[in-house]
Amino acid sequence: MAMEVTQALLNAQSIDGTVRKHAEESLRQFQEQNLPGFLVSLSGELASEDKPVDSRKLA
């Protein structure tokens, strides 16, 4: 799921409105269905220097 979160965060910043909206909805669903897992994923995104800077900023 970690790579999916990274990609969703990157897509949530897309200039393509369709891509951005889909990513935002995916993140919202993850948050609503599994808040603890969502928060752990965001924390992992922030903590990992191997992740893209843009996804870390949004996390």
Protein backbone atom coordinates (compact mmCIF):
# COMPACT_ATOMS: atom_id res chain seq x y z
CA MET A 1 0.00 0.00 0.00
CA ALA A 2 2.94 2.37 0.59
CA MET A 3 3.69 2.77 -3.11
CA GLU A 4 0.00 3.32 -3.81
CA VAL A 5 -0.09 6.13 -1.23
CA THR A 6 2.98 7.73 -2.77
CA GLN A 7 1.40 7.64 -6.21
CA ALA A 8 -1.94 8.90 -4.91
CA LEU A 9 -0.22 11.83 -3.20
CA LEU A 10 1.67 12.67 -6.37
CA ASN A 11 -1.49 12.35 -8.46
CA ALA A 12 -3.37 14.59 -6.02
CA GLN A 13 -1.06 17.38 -7.20
CA SER A 14 -1.62 16.70 -10.90
CA ILE A 15 -2.62 19.51 -13.22
CA ASP A 16 -5.02 17.05 -14.88
CA GLY A 17 -8.29 17.53 -13.01
CA THR A 18 -9.50 13.98 -13.64
CA VAL A 19 -6.30 12.42 -12.28
CA ARG A 20 -6.31 14.78 -9.29
CA LYS A 21 -9.97 14.12 -8.45
CA HIS A 22 -9.50 10.34 -8.62
CA ALA A 23 -6.43 10.53 -6.36
CA GLU A 24 -8.21 12.75 -3.85
CA GLU A 25 -11.13 10.32 -3.73
CA SER A 26 -8.78 7.35 -3.24
CA LEU A 27 -7.05 9.11 -0.35
CA ARG A 28 -10.39 10.09 1.18
CA GLN A 29 -11.66 6.50 0.99
CA PHE A 30 -8.47 5.15 2.56
CA GLN A 31 -8.82 7.69 5.37
CA GLU A 32 -12.48 6.82 6.00
CA GLN A 33 -12.02 3.04 5.80
CA ASN A 34 -8.78 2.71 7.77
CA LEU A 35 -7.77 5.87 9.62
CA PRO A 36 -4.96 4.24 11.63
CA GLY A 37 -3.44 2.71 8.48
CA PHE A 38 -3.87 6.00 6.63
CA LEU A 39 -2.01 7.92 9.34
CA VAL A 40 0.77 5.32 9.48
CA SER A 41 1.14 5.55 5.70
CA LEU A 42 1.38 9.34 5.81
CA SER A 43 3.90 9.14 8.65
CA GLY A 44 5.96 6.67 6.65
CA GLU A 45 5.82 8.97 3.66
CA LEU A 46 7.14 11.85 5.74
CA ALA A 47 9.85 9.80 7.41
CA SER A 48 11.30 8.23 4.28
CA GLU A 49 13.94 10.30 2.53
CA ASP A 50 13.63 7.89 -0.40
CA LYS A 51 10.14 9.19 -1.21
CA PRO A 52 9.65 12.05 -3.68
CA VAL A 53 9.77 15.52 -2.11
CA ASP A 54 6.36 16.44 -3.55
CA SER A 55 4.58 13.47 -1.97
CA ARG A 56 6.33 14.12 1.35
CA LYS A 57 5.15 17.74 1.34
CA LEU A 58 1.54 16.74 0.81
CA ALA A 59 1.71 13.99 3.45
